[in-house]
Amino acid sequence: MCNISNYEFYKSHHICVRCGQEKAERNNTLCFRCRIKSRESALKYYNQHKEEMKETSRIKHKLRYNKLKDLGLCTSCGKRKTTNNRVICDHCRLRKNARNRKKYLLMVYAKRNLCDIRI
């Protein structure tokens, strides 16, 4: 990949933008081999810098959480206003409760006899 014009040419003609030799995968700009090489190098980099990446991610998410909390927005979606001194909006809270209820009922049905369950 030499410059932007080559990149745009390869991309518009569905040719791999990295090697310029093979046809690119559908809905991607890289061929199958280059995608595998890219994935392997990304995994290698991640494994070498795992702790640093986790720490920076933790700090970034904590800053986002505190910023949304100070603005009075939902800390889950970041879109809606919160009410009654909560940190999660009603929409996200209802979704989370439904998900937890479903998970709990699956666990209850798996462990107990159906005759013993009261709903």
PDB file of N, CA and C in Angstrom:
ATOM      1  N   MET A   1       0.845  -1.175   0.000  1.00  0.00           N
ATOM      2  CA  MET A   1       0.000   0.000   0.000  1.00  0.00           C
ATOM      3  C   MET A   1       0.889   1.236   0.000  1.00  0.00           C
ATOM      4  N   CYS A   2       0.964   1.918  -1.122  1.00  0.00           N
ATOM      5  CA  CYS A   2       1.876   3.051  -1.262  1.00  0.00           C
ATOM      6  C   CYS A   2       1.235   4.364  -0.848  1.00  0.00           C
ATOM      7  N   ASN A   3       0.073   4.656  -1.378  1.00  0.00           N
ATOM      8  CA  ASN A   3      -0.546   5.932  -1.052  1.00  0.00           C
ATOM      9  C   ASN A   3      -2.071   5.803  -1.094  1.00  0.00           C
ATOM     10  N   ILE A   4      -2.713   6.910  -0.869  1.00  0.00           N
ATOM     11  CA  ILE A   4      -4.172   6.909  -0.758  1.00  0.00           C
ATOM     12  C   ILE A   4      -4.829   6.560  -2.087  1.00  0.00           C
ATOM     13  N   SER A   5      -4.291   7.035  -3.201  1.00  0.00           N
ATOM     14  CA  SER A   5      -4.923   6.751  -4.492  1.00  0.00           C
ATOM     15  C   SER A   5      -4.894   5.260  -4.812  1.00  0.00           C
ATOM     16  N   ASN A   6      -3.772   4.575  -4.499  1.00  0.00           N
ATOM     17  CA  ASN A   6      -3.723   3.125  -4.692  1.00  0.00           C
ATOM     18  C   ASN A   6      -4.733   2.430  -3.794  1.00  0.00           C
ATOM     19  N   TYR A   7      -4.824   2.872  -2.563  1.00  0.00           N
ATOM     20  CA  TYR A   7      -5.774   2.283  -1.624  1.00  0.00           C
ATOM     21  C   TYR A   7      -7.190   2.399  -2.156  1.00  0.00           C
ATOM     22  N   GLU A   8      -7.558   3.592  -2.600  1.00  0.00           N
ATOM     23  CA  GLU A   8      -8.919   3.799  -3.118  1.00  0.00           C
ATOM     24  C   GLU A   8      -9.158   2.971  -4.386  1.00  0.00           C
ATOM     25  N   PHE A   9      -8.150   2.867  -5.255  1.00  0.00           N
ATOM     26  CA  PHE A   9      -8.288   2.066  -6.468  1.00  0.00           C
ATOM     27  C   PHE A   9      -8.519   0.599  -6.119  1.00  0.00           C
ATOM     28  N   TYR A  10      -7.671   0.058  -5.218  1.00  0.00           N
ATOM     29  CA  TYR A  10      -7.817  -1.340  -4.828  1.00  0.00           C
ATOM     30  C   TYR A  10      -9.165  -1.589  -4.160  1.00  0.00           C
ATOM     31  N   LYS A  11      -9.554  -0.664  -3.323  1.00  0.00           N
ATOM     32  CA  LYS A  11     -10.812  -0.823  -2.595  1.00  0.00           C
ATOM     33  C   LYS A  11     -12.006  -0.802  -3.549  1.00  0.00           C
ATOM     34  N   SER A  12     -11.993   0.091  -4.516  1.00  0.00           N
ATOM     35  CA  SER A  12     -13.116   0.184  -5.455  1.00  0.00           C
ATOM     36  C   SER A  12     -13.174  -1.008  -6.411  1.00  0.00           C
ATOM     37  N   HIS A  13     -12.033  -1.648  -6.666  1.00  0.00           N
ATOM     38  CA  HIS A  13     -12.008  -2.814  -7.557  1.00  0.00           C
ATOM     39  C   HIS A  13     -11.990  -4.139  -6.792  1.00  0.00           C
ATOM     40  N   HIS A  14     -12.226  -4.084  -5.481  1.00  0.00           N
ATOM     41  CA  HIS A  14     -12.312  -5.274  -4.626  1.00  0.00           C
ATOM     42  C   HIS A  14     -11.039  -6.119  -4.667  1.00  0.00           C
ATOM     43  N   ILE A  15      -9.887  -5.428  -4.586  1.00  0.00           N
ATOM     44  CA  ILE A  15      -8.580  -6.081  -4.517  1.00  0.00           C
ATOM     45  C   ILE A  15      -8.031  -5.815  -3.120  1.00  0.00           C
ATOM     46  N   CYS A  16      -7.294  -6.778  -2.583  1.00  0.00           N
ATOM     47  CA  CYS A  16      -6.722  -6.634  -1.241  1.00  0.00           C
ATOM     48  C   CYS A  16      -5.835  -5.389  -1.194  1.00  0.00           C
ATOM     49  N   VAL A  17      -6.068  -4.521  -0.208  1.00  0.00           N
ATOM     50  CA  VAL A  17      -5.314  -3.268  -0.122  1.00  0.00           C
ATOM     51  C   VAL A  17      -3.935  -3.470   0.501  1.00  0.00           C
ATOM     52  N   ARG A  18      -3.691  -4.606   1.141  1.00  0.00           N
ATOM     53  CA  ARG A  18      -2.386  -4.855   1.740  1.00  0.00           C
ATOM     54  C   ARG A  18      -1.416  -5.461   0.720  1.00  0.00           C
ATOM     55  N   CYS A  19      -1.808  -6.581   0.117  1.00  0.00           N
ATOM     56  CA  CYS A  19      -0.887  -7.251  -0.810  1.00  0.00           C
ATOM     57  C   CYS A  19      -1.119  -6.822  -2.258  1.00  0.00           C
ATOM     58  N   GLY A  20      -2.330  -6.416  -2.607  1.00  0.00           N
ATOM     59  CA  GLY A  20      -2.640  -5.995  -3.969  1.00  0.00           C
ATOM     60  C   GLY A  20      -2.628  -7.133  -4.972  1.00  0.00           C
ATOM     61  N   GLN A  21      -2.670  -8.367  -4.514  1.00  0.00           N
ATOM     62  CA  GLN A  21      -2.559  -9.518  -5.396  1.00  0.00           C
ATOM     63  C   GLN A  21      -3.861 -10.291  -5.543  1.00  0.00           C
ATOM     64  N   GLU A  22      -4.548 -10.481  -4.445  1.00  0.00           N
ATOM     65  CA  GLU A  22      -5.725 -11.337  -4.463  1.00  0.00           C
ATOM     66  C   GLU A  22      -7.005 -10.523  -4.330  1.00  0.00           C
ATOM     67  N   LYS A  23      -8.101 -11.207  -4.608  1.00  0.00           N
ATOM     68  CA  LYS A  23      -9.406 -10.581  -4.474  1.00  0.00           C
ATOM     69  C   LYS A  23      -9.737 -10.446  -2.991  1.00  0.00           C
ATOM     70  N   ALA A  24     -10.283  -9.305  -2.612  1.00  0.00           N
ATOM     71  CA  ALA A  24     -10.617  -9.061  -1.216  1.00  0.00           C
ATOM     72  C   ALA A  24     -11.865  -9.848  -0.820  1.00  0.00           C
ATOM     73  N   GLU A  25     -11.947 -10.161   0.482  1.00  0.00           N
ATOM     74  CA  GLU A  25     -13.129 -10.835   1.009  1.00  0.00           C
ATOM     75  C   GLU A  25     -14.339  -9.918   0.875  1.00  0.00           C
ATOM     76  N   ARG A  26     -15.504 -10.519   0.847  1.00  0.00           N
ATOM     77  CA  ARG A  26     -16.732  -9.742   0.726  1.00  0.00           C
ATOM     78  C   ARG A  26     -16.898  -8.859   1.965  1.00  0.00           C
ATOM     79  N   ASN A  27     -17.249  -7.600   1.756  1.00  0.00           N
ATOM     80  CA  ASN A  27     -17.436  -6.589   2.807  1.00  0.00           C
ATOM     81  C   ASN A  27     -16.157  -6.318   3.602  1.00  0.00           C
ATOM     82  N   ASN A  28     -14.999  -6.583   3.021  1.00  0.00           N
ATOM     83  CA  ASN A  28     -13.717  -6.299   3.650  1.00  0.00           C
ATOM     84  C   ASN A  28     -12.761  -5.734   2.608  1.00  0.00           C
ATOM     85  N   THR A  29     -11.648  -5.188   3.092  1.00  0.00           N
ATOM     86  CA  THR A  29     -10.652  -4.650   2.169  1.00  0.00           C
ATOM     87  C   THR A  29      -9.425  -5.543   2.077  1.00  0.00           C
ATOM     88  N   LEU A  30      -9.399  -6.640   2.850  1.00  0.00           N
ATOM     89  CA  LEU A  30      -8.247  -7.540   2.839  1.00  0.00           C
ATOM     90  C   LEU A  30      -8.650  -8.917   2.327  1.00  0.00           C
ATOM     91  N   CYS A  31      -7.665  -9.614   1.753  1.00  0.00           N
ATOM     92  CA  CYS A  31      -7.900 -10.991   1.326  1.00  0.00           C
ATOM     93  C   CYS A  31      -7.844 -11.909   2.546  1.00  0.00           C
ATOM     94  N   PHE A  32      -8.155 -13.172   2.334  1.00  0.00           N
ATOM     95  CA  PHE A  32      -8.206 -14.127   3.433  1.00  0.00           C
ATOM     96  C   PHE A  32      -6.849 -14.272   4.116  1.00  0.00           C
ATOM     97  N   ARG A  33      -5.787 -14.405   3.345  1.00  0.00           N
ATOM     98  CA  ARG A  33      -4.446 -14.573   3.927  1.00  0.00           C
ATOM     99  C   ARG A  33      -4.006 -13.351   4.725  1.00  0.00           C
ATOM    100  N   CYS A  34      -4.243 -12.176   4.175  1.00  0.00           N
ATOM    101  CA  CYS A  34      -3.849 -10.954   4.884  1.00  0.00           C
ATOM    102  C   CYS A  34      -4.677 -10.755   6.147  1.00  0.00           C
ATOM    103  N   ARG A  35      -5.935 -11.161   6.130  1.00  0.00           N
ATOM    104  CA  ARG A  35      -6.761 -11.072   7.329  1.00  0.00           C
ATOM    105  C   ARG A  35      -6.221 -11.995   8.420  1.00  0.00           C
ATOM    106  N   ILE A  36      -5.790 -13.199   8.036  1.00  0.00           N
ATOM    107  CA  ILE A  36      -5.218 -14.130   9.014  1.00  0.00           C
ATOM    108  C   ILE A  36      -3.927 -13.562   9.590  1.00  0.00           C
ATOM    109  N   LYS A  37      -3.059 -13.021   8.721  1.00  0.00           N
ATOM    110  CA  LYS A  37      -1.804 -12.424   9.198  1.00  0.00           C
ATOM    111  C   LYS A  37      -2.073 -11.249  10.123  1.00  0.00           C
ATOM    112  N   SER A  38      -3.032 -10.427   9.764  1.00  0.00           N
ATOM    113  CA  SER A  38      -3.385  -9.276  10.581  1.00  0.00           C
ATOM    114  C   SER A  38      -3.905  -9.715  11.946  1.00  0.00           C
ATOM    115  N   ARG A  39      -4.744 -10.727  11.951  1.00  0.00           N
ATOM    116  CA  ARG A  39      -5.297 -11.237  13.211  1.00  0.00           C
ATOM    117  C   ARG A  39      -4.206 -11.833  14.101  1.00  0.00           C
ATOM    118  N   GLU A  40      -3.286 -12.586  13.492  1.00  0.00           N
ATOM    119  CA  GLU A  40      -2.191 -13.167  14.268  1.00  0.00           C
ATOM    120  C   GLU A  40      -1.302 -12.091  14.872  1.00  0.00           C
ATOM    121  N   SER A  41      -0.991 -11.064  14.105  1.00  0.00           N
ATOM    122  CA  SER A  41      -0.133  -9.999  14.644  1.00  0.00           C
ATOM    123  C   SER A  41      -0.866  -9.212  15.725  1.00  0.00           C
ATOM    124  N   ALA A  42      -2.176  -9.022  15.580  1.00  0.00           N
ATOM    125  CA  ALA A  42      -2.938  -8.325  16.615  1.00  0.00           C
ATOM    126  C   ALA A  42      -2.975  -9.136  17.902  1.00  0.00           C
ATOM    127  N   LEU A  43      -3.150 -10.454  17.794  1.00  0.00           N
ATOM    128  CA  LEU A  43      -3.143 -11.309  18.982  1.00  0.00           C
ATOM    129  C   LEU A  43      -1.773 -11.314  19.654  1.00  0.00           C
ATOM    130  N   LYS A  44      -0.723 -11.339  18.851  1.00  0.00           N
ATOM    131  CA  LYS A  44       0.631 -11.321  19.391  1.00  0.00           C
ATOM    132  C   LYS A  44       0.875 -10.016  20.153  1.00  0.00           C
ATOM    133  N   TYR A  45       0.472  -8.895  19.569  1.00  0.00           N
ATOM    134  CA  TYR A  45       0.631  -7.600  20.223  1.00  0.00           C
ATOM    135  C   TYR A  45      -0.185  -7.546  21.511  1.00  0.00           C
ATOM    136  N   TYR A  46      -1.426  -8.045  21.455  1.00  0.00           N
ATOM    137  CA  TYR A  46      -2.281  -8.029  22.639  1.00  0.00           C
ATOM    138  C   TYR A  46      -1.667  -8.860  23.764  1.00  0.00           C
ATOM    139  N   ASN A  47      -1.159 -10.032  23.437  1.00  0.00           N
ATOM    140  CA  ASN A  47      -0.570 -10.890  24.469  1.00  0.00           C
ATOM    141  C   ASN A  47       0.680 -10.273  25.078  1.00  0.00           C
ATOM    142  N   GLN A  48       1.424  -9.510  24.315  1.00  0.00           N
ATOM    143  CA  GLN A  48       2.619  -8.860  24.845  1.00  0.00           C
ATOM    144  C   GLN A  48       2.278  -7.658  25.727  1.00  0.00           C
ATOM    145  N   HIS A  49       1.176  -6.976  25.415  1.00  0.00           N
ATOM    146  CA  HIS A  49       0.819  -5.741  26.128  1.00  0.00           C
ATOM    147  C   HIS A  49      -0.516  -5.859  26.851  1.00  0.00           C
ATOM    148  N   LYS A  50      -0.879  -7.061  27.286  1.00  0.00           N
ATOM    149  CA  LYS A  50      -2.197  -7.310  27.866  1.00  0.00           C
ATOM    150  C   LYS A  50      -2.474  -6.461  29.101  1.00  0.00           C
ATOM    151  N   GLU A  51      -1.551  -6.430  30.043  1.00  0.00           N
ATOM    152  CA  GLU A  51      -1.780  -5.711  31.296  1.00  0.00           C
ATOM    153  C   GLU A  51      -1.900  -4.210  31.072  1.00  0.00           C
ATOM    154  N   GLU A  52      -1.062  -3.661  30.198  1.00  0.00           N
ATOM    155  CA  GLU A  52      -1.140  -2.226  29.901  1.00  0.00           C
ATOM    156  C   GLU A  52      -2.472  -1.879  29.263  1.00  0.00           C
ATOM    157  N   MET A  53      -2.918  -2.700  28.338  1.00  0.00           N
ATOM    158  CA  MET A  53      -4.180  -2.439  27.652  1.00  0.00           C
ATOM    159  C   MET A  53      -5.366  -2.547  28.605  1.00  0.00           C
ATOM    160  N   LYS A  54      -5.321  -3.512  29.505  1.00  0.00           N
ATOM    161  CA  LYS A  54      -6.390  -3.644  30.492  1.00  0.00           C
ATOM    162  C   LYS A  54      -6.445  -2.424  31.398  1.00  0.00           C
ATOM    163  N   GLU A  55      -5.283  -1.951  31.808  1.00  0.00           N
ATOM    164  CA  GLU A  55      -5.228  -0.803  32.710  1.00  0.00           C
ATOM    165  C   GLU A  55      -5.749   0.459  32.022  1.00  0.00           C
ATOM    166  N   THR A  56      -5.323   0.702  30.786  1.00  0.00           N
ATOM    167  CA  THR A  56      -5.805   1.887  30.079  1.00  0.00           C
ATOM    168  C   THR A  56      -7.305   1.789  29.811  1.00  0.00           C
ATOM    169  N   SER A  57      -7.787   0.589  29.515  1.00  0.00           N
ATOM    170  CA  SER A  57      -9.224   0.394  29.300  1.00  0.00           C
ATOM    171  C   SER A  57      -9.998   0.653  30.583  1.00  0.00           C
ATOM    172  N   ARG A  58      -9.469   0.167  31.703  1.00  0.00           N
ATOM    173  CA  ARG A  58     -10.136   0.373  32.987  1.00  0.00           C
ATOM    174  C   ARG A  58     -10.216   1.866  33.321  1.00  0.00           C
ATOM    175  N   ILE A  59      -9.132   2.584  33.097  1.00  0.00           N
ATOM    176  CA  ILE A  59      -9.113   4.019  33.381  1.00  0.00           C
ATOM    177  C   ILE A  59     -10.091   4.757  32.462  1.00  0.00           C
ATOM    178  N   LYS A  60     -10.095   4.392  31.191  1.00  0.00           N
ATOM    179  CA  LYS A  60     -10.984   5.048  30.225  1.00  0.00           C
ATOM    180  C   LYS A  60     -12.453   4.831  30.587  1.00  0.00           C
ATOM    181  N   HIS A  61     -12.806   3.594  30.956  1.00  0.00           N
ATOM    182  CA  HIS A  61     -14.190   3.309  31.311  1.00  0.00           C
ATOM    183  C   HIS A  61     -14.601   3.994  32.613  1.00  0.00           C
ATOM    184  N   LYS A  62     -13.667   4.112  33.549  1.00  0.00           N
ATOM    185  CA  LYS A  62     -13.954   4.800  34.800  1.00  0.00           C
ATOM    186  C   LYS A  62     -14.190   6.291  34.557  1.00  0.00           C
ATOM    187  N   LEU A  63     -13.388   6.897  33.684  1.00  0.00           N
ATOM    188  CA  LEU A  63     -13.580   8.314  33.345  1.00  0.00           C
ATOM    189  C   LEU A  63     -14.925   8.528  32.658  1.00  0.00           C
ATOM    190  N   ARG A  64     -15.280   7.618  31.743  1.00  0.00           N
ATOM    191  CA  ARG A  64     -16.569   7.724  31.052  1.00  0.00           C
ATOM    192  C   ARG A  64     -17.719   7.617  32.045  1.00  0.00           C
ATOM    193  N   TYR A  65     -17.628   6.662  32.954  1.00  0.00           N
ATOM    194  CA  TYR A  65     -18.665   6.456  33.962  1.00  0.00           C
ATOM    195  C   TYR A  65     -18.842   7.709  34.814  1.00  0.00           C
ATOM    196  N   ASN A  66     -17.739   8.262  35.316  1.00  0.00           N
ATOM    197  CA  ASN A  66     -17.815   9.446  36.167  1.00  0.00           C
ATOM    198  C   ASN A  66     -18.338  10.655  35.409  1.00  0.00           C
ATOM    199  N   LYS A  67     -17.934  10.805  34.152  1.00  0.00           N
ATOM    200  CA  LYS A  67     -18.400  11.930  33.335  1.00  0.00           C
ATOM    201  C   LYS A  67     -19.907  11.844  33.111  1.00  0.00           C
ATOM    202  N   LEU A  68     -20.405  10.654  32.745  1.00  0.00           N
ATOM    203  CA  LEU A  68     -21.841  10.485  32.525  1.00  0.00           C
ATOM    204  C   LEU A  68     -22.620  10.673  33.820  1.00  0.00           C
ATOM    205  N   LYS A  69     -22.076  10.199  34.918  1.00  0.00           N
ATOM    206  CA  LYS A  69     -22.742  10.339  36.213  1.00  0.00           C
ATOM    207  C   LYS A  69     -22.861  11.809  36.599  1.00  0.00           C
ATOM    208  N   ASP A  70     -21.790  12.588  36.375  1.00  0.00           N
ATOM    209  CA  ASP A  70     -21.815  14.015  36.694  1.00  0.00           C
ATOM    210  C   ASP A  70     -22.808  14.775  35.820  1.00  0.00           C
ATOM    211  N   LEU A  71     -22.955  14.335  34.565  1.00  0.00           N
ATOM    212  CA  LEU A  71     -23.893  14.999  33.659  1.00  0.00           C
ATOM    213  C   LEU A  71     -25.341  14.581  33.902  1.00  0.00           C
ATOM    214  N   GLY A  72     -25.544  13.555  34.705  1.00  0.00           N
ATOM    215  CA  GLY A  72     -26.900  13.084  34.979  1.00  0.00           C
ATOM    216  C   GLY A  72     -27.445  12.190  33.889  1.00  0.00           C
ATOM    217  N   LEU A  73     -26.545  11.590  33.100  1.00  0.00           N
ATOM    218  CA  LEU A  73     -26.973  10.683  32.036  1.00  0.00           C
ATOM    219  C   LEU A  73     -26.795   9.243  32.487  1.00  0.00           C
ATOM    220  N   CYS A  74     -27.458   8.344  31.786  1.00  0.00           N
ATOM    221  CA  CYS A  74     -27.372   6.921  32.084  1.00  0.00           C
ATOM    222  C   CYS A  74     -25.940   6.442  31.855  1.00  0.00           C
ATOM    223  N   THR A  75     -25.388   5.727  32.822  1.00  0.00           N
ATOM    224  CA  THR A  75     -24.020   5.236  32.695  1.00  0.00           C
ATOM    225  C   THR A  75     -23.934   3.991  31.826  1.00  0.00           C
ATOM    226  N   SER A  76     -25.075   3.403  31.503  1.00  0.00           N
ATOM    227  CA  SER A  76     -25.076   2.218  30.662  1.00  0.00           C
ATOM    228  C   SER A  76     -25.119   2.592  29.177  1.00  0.00           C
ATOM    229  N   CYS A  77     -26.113   3.397  28.795  1.00  0.00           N
ATOM    230  CA  CYS A  77     -26.248   3.762  27.376  1.00  0.00           C
ATOM    231  C   CYS A  77     -25.670   5.138  27.068  1.00  0.00           C
ATOM    232  N   GLY A  78     -25.658   6.039  28.039  1.00  0.00           N
ATOM    233  CA  GLY A  78     -25.124   7.380  27.844  1.00  0.00           C
ATOM    234  C   GLY A  78     -26.049   8.301  27.081  1.00  0.00           C
ATOM    235  N   LYS A  79     -27.305   7.909  26.886  1.00  0.00           N
ATOM    236  CA  LYS A  79     -28.224   8.693  26.061  1.00  0.00           C
ATOM    237  C   LYS A  79     -29.288   9.411  26.877  1.00  0.00           C
ATOM    238  N   ARG A  80     -29.928   8.700  27.791  1.00  0.00           N
ATOM    239  CA  ARG A  80     -31.101   9.218  28.475  1.00  0.00           C
ATOM    240  C   ARG A  80     -30.753   9.782  29.849  1.00  0.00           C
ATOM    241  N   LYS A  81     -31.605  10.690  30.313  1.00  0.00           N
ATOM    242  CA  LYS A  81     -31.455  11.257  31.651  1.00  0.00           C
ATOM    243  C   LYS A  81     -31.894  10.230  32.690  1.00  0.00           C
ATOM    244  N   THR A  82     -31.285  10.317  33.867  1.00  0.00           N
ATOM    245  CA  THR A  82     -31.651   9.429  34.959  1.00  0.00           C
ATOM    246  C   THR A  82     -32.641  10.137  35.871  1.00  0.00           C
ATOM    247  N   THR A  83     -33.359   9.352  36.678  1.00  0.00           N
ATOM    248  CA  THR A  83     -34.328   9.915  37.605  1.00  0.00           C
ATOM    249  C   THR A  83     -34.110   9.323  38.992  1.00  0.00           C
ATOM    250  N   ASN A  84     -34.586  10.008  39.998  1.00  0.00           N
ATOM    251  CA  ASN A  84     -34.576   9.547  41.393  1.00  0.00           C
ATOM    252  C   ASN A  84     -33.175   9.165  41.877  1.00  0.00           C
ATOM    253  N   ASN A  85     -32.186   9.969  41.555  1.00  0.00           N
ATOM    254  CA  ASN A  85     -30.799   9.759  42.013  1.00  0.00           C
ATOM    255  C   ASN A  85     -30.244   8.388  41.634  1.00  0.00           C
ATOM    256  N   ARG A  86     -30.640   7.877  40.508  1.00  0.00           N
ATOM    257  CA  ARG A  86     -30.093   6.621  40.009  1.00  0.00           C
ATOM    258  C   ARG A  86     -29.005   6.932  38.995  1.00  0.00           C
ATOM    259  N   VAL A  87     -28.219   5.911  38.652  1.00  0.00           N
ATOM    260  CA  VAL A  87     -27.179   6.110  37.648  1.00  0.00           C
ATOM    261  C   VAL A  87     -27.550   5.439  36.332  1.00  0.00           C
ATOM    262  N   ILE A  88     -28.635   4.665  36.313  1.00  0.00           N
ATOM    263  CA  ILE A  88     -29.091   3.989  35.097  1.00  0.00           C
ATOM    264  C   ILE A  88     -30.500   4.477  34.778  1.00  0.00           C
ATOM    265  N   CYS A  89     -30.786   4.725  33.520  1.00  0.00           N
ATOM    266  CA  CYS A  89     -32.112   5.201  33.113  1.00  0.00           C
ATOM    267  C   CYS A  89     -33.139   4.076  33.258  1.00  0.00           C
ATOM    268  N   ASP A  90     -34.420   4.449  33.186  1.00  0.00           N
ATOM    269  CA  ASP A  90     -35.491   3.466  33.355  1.00  0.00           C
ATOM    270  C   ASP A  90     -35.467   2.406  32.261  1.00  0.00           C
ATOM    271  N   HIS A  91     -35.170   2.808  31.051  1.00  0.00           N
ATOM    272  CA  HIS A  91     -35.158   1.863  29.927  1.00  0.00           C
ATOM    273  C   HIS A  91     -34.087   0.787  30.139  1.00  0.00           C
ATOM    274  N   CYS A  92     -32.869   1.192  30.463  1.00  0.00           N
ATOM    275  CA  CYS A  92     -31.782   0.227  30.688  1.00  0.00           C
ATOM    276  C   CYS A  92     -32.040  -0.607  31.937  1.00  0.00           C
ATOM    277  N   ARG A  93     -32.630   0.006  32.960  1.00  0.00           N
ATOM    278  CA  ARG A  93     -32.919  -0.714  34.191  1.00  0.00           C
ATOM    279  C   ARG A  93     -33.946  -1.813  33.944  1.00  0.00           C
ATOM    280  N   LEU A  94     -34.989  -1.511  33.160  1.00  0.00           N
ATOM    281  CA  LEU A  94     -35.996  -2.528  32.840  1.00  0.00           C
ATOM    282  C   LEU A  94     -35.405  -3.658  32.008  1.00  0.00           C
ATOM    283  N   ARG A  95     -34.563  -3.313  31.046  1.00  0.00           N
ATOM    284  CA  ARG A  95     -33.910  -4.347  30.234  1.00  0.00           C
ATOM    285  C   ARG A  95     -33.014  -5.235  31.090  1.00  0.00           C
ATOM    286  N   LYS A  96     -32.241  -4.616  31.984  1.00  0.00           N
ATOM    287  CA  LYS A  96     -31.343  -5.372  32.844  1.00  0.00           C
ATOM    288  C   LYS A  96     -32.134  -6.271  33.790  1.00  0.00           C
ATOM    289  N   ASN A  97     -33.214  -5.756  34.361  1.00  0.00           N
ATOM    290  CA  ASN A  97     -34.037  -6.563  35.259  1.00  0.00           C
ATOM    291  C   ASN A  97     -34.667  -7.739  34.530  1.00  0.00           C
ATOM    292  N   ALA A  98     -35.143  -7.521  33.315  1.00  0.00           N
ATOM    293  CA  ALA A  98     -35.743  -8.618  32.538  1.00  0.00           C
ATOM    294  C   ALA A  98     -34.703  -9.686  32.222  1.00  0.00           C
ATOM    295  N   ARG A  99     -33.501  -9.264  31.862  1.00  0.00           N
ATOM    296  CA  ARG A  99     -32.427 -10.207  31.567  1.00  0.00           C
ATOM    297  C   ARG A  99     -32.058 -11.018  32.807  1.00  0.00           C
ATOM    298  N   ASN A 100     -31.939 -10.339  33.951  1.00  0.00           N
ATOM    299  CA  ASN A 100     -31.601 -11.032  35.189  1.00  0.00           C
ATOM    300  C   ASN A 100     -32.727 -11.965  35.632  1.00  0.00           C
ATOM    301  N   ARG A 101     -33.978 -11.549  35.439  1.00  0.00           N
ATOM    302  CA  ARG A 101     -35.113 -12.383  35.803  1.00  0.00           C
ATOM    303  C   ARG A 101     -35.134 -13.652  34.961  1.00  0.00           C
ATOM    304  N   LYS A 102     -34.883 -13.494  33.669  1.00  0.00           N
ATOM    305  CA  LYS A 102     -34.850 -14.655  32.774  1.00  0.00           C
ATOM    306  C   LYS A 102     -33.726 -15.609  33.168  1.00  0.00           C
ATOM    307  N   LYS A 103     -32.572 -15.064  33.479  1.00  0.00           N
ATOM    308  CA  LYS A 103     -31.432 -15.878  33.894  1.00  0.00           C
ATOM    309  C   LYS A 103     -31.730 -16.610  35.202  1.00  0.00           C
ATOM    310  N   TYR A 104     -32.378 -15.915  36.131  1.00  0.00           N
ATOM    311  CA  TYR A 104     -32.735 -16.525  37.410  1.00  0.00           C
ATOM    312  C   TYR A 104     -33.735 -17.661  37.202  1.00  0.00           C
ATOM    313  N   LEU A 105     -34.748 -17.427  36.377  1.00  0.00           N
ATOM    314  CA  LEU A 105     -35.750 -18.469  36.145  1.00  0.00           C
ATOM    315  C   LEU A 105     -35.140 -19.684  35.460  1.00  0.00           C
ATOM    316  N   LEU A 106     -34.217 -19.483  34.547  1.00  0.00           N
ATOM    317  CA  LEU A 106     -33.541 -20.623  33.925  1.00  0.00           C
ATOM    318  C   LEU A 106     -32.757 -21.421  34.958  1.00  0.00           C
ATOM    319  N   MET A 107     -32.119 -20.706  35.880  1.00  0.00           N
ATOM    320  CA  MET A 107     -31.369 -21.386  36.930  1.00  0.00           C
ATOM    321  C   MET A 107     -32.313 -22.131  37.864  1.00  0.00           C
ATOM    322  N   VAL A 108     -33.454 -21.532  38.209  1.00  0.00           N
ATOM    323  CA  VAL A 108     -34.424 -22.162  39.103  1.00  0.00           C
ATOM    324  C   VAL A 108     -34.993 -23.410  38.460  1.00  0.00           C
ATOM    325  N   TYR A 109     -35.385 -23.315  37.190  1.00  0.00           N
ATOM    326  CA  TYR A 109     -35.963 -24.473  36.502  1.00  0.00           C
ATOM    327  C   TYR A 109     -34.952 -25.604  36.354  1.00  0.00           C
ATOM    328  N   ALA A 110     -33.687 -25.258  36.243  1.00  0.00           N
ATOM    329  CA  ALA A 110     -32.663 -26.287  36.088  1.00  0.00           C
ATOM    330  C   ALA A 110     -32.394 -27.023  37.400  1.00  0.00           C
ATOM    331  N   LYS A 111     -32.540 -26.327  38.549  1.00  0.00           N
ATOM    332  CA  LYS A 111     -32.165 -26.926  39.824  1.00  0.00           C
ATOM    333  C   LYS A 111     -33.324 -27.561  40.583  1.00  0.00           C
ATOM    334  N   ARG A 112     -34.536 -27.084  40.377  1.00  0.00           N
ATOM    335  CA  ARG A 112     -35.657 -27.552  41.168  1.00  0.00           C
ATOM    336  C   ARG A 112     -36.646 -28.357  40.354  1.00  0.00           C
ATOM    337  N   ASN A 113     -37.494 -29.037  41.056  1.00  0.00           N
ATOM    338  CA  ASN A 113     -38.588 -29.756  40.442  1.00  0.00           C
ATOM    339  C   ASN A 113     -39.690 -28.759  40.070  1.00  0.00           C
ATOM    340  N   LEU A 114     -40.360 -28.938  38.969  1.00  0.00           N
ATOM    341  CA  LEU A 114     -41.377 -27.993  38.516  1.00  0.00           C
ATOM    342  C   LEU A 114     -42.532 -27.872  39.500  1.00  0.00           C
ATOM    343  N   CYS A 115     -42.817 -28.923  40.259  1.00  0.00           N
ATOM    344  CA  CYS A 115     -43.925 -28.897  41.216  1.00  0.00           C
ATOM    345  C   CYS A 115     -43.614 -27.986  42.404  1.00  0.00           C
ATOM    346  N   ASP A 116     -42.344 -27.764  42.719  1.00  0.00           N
ATOM    347  CA  ASP A 116     -41.953 -26.985  43.881  1.00  0.00           C
ATOM    348  C   ASP A 116     -41.845 -25.491  43.616  1.00  0.00           C
ATOM    349  N   ILE A 117     -41.926 -25.075  42.369  1.00  0.00           N
ATOM    350  CA  ILE A 117     -41.684 -23.682  41.999  1.00  0.00           C
ATOM    351  C   ILE A 117     -42.972 -22.868  42.135  1.00  0.00           C
ATOM    352  N   ARG A 118     -42.876 -21.737  42.835  1.00  0.00           N
ATOM    353  CA  ARG A 118     -43.979 -20.792  42.935  1.00  0.00           C
ATOM    354  C   ARG A 118     -43.580 -19.538  42.189  1.00  0.00           C
ATOM    355  N   ILE A 119     -44.472 -19.058  41.353  1.00  0.00           N
ATOM    356  CA  ILE A 119     -44.169 -17.837  40.596  1.00  0.00           C
ATOM    357  C   ILE A 119     -45.131 -16.752  40.983  1.00  0.00           C
TER     358      ILE A 119
END
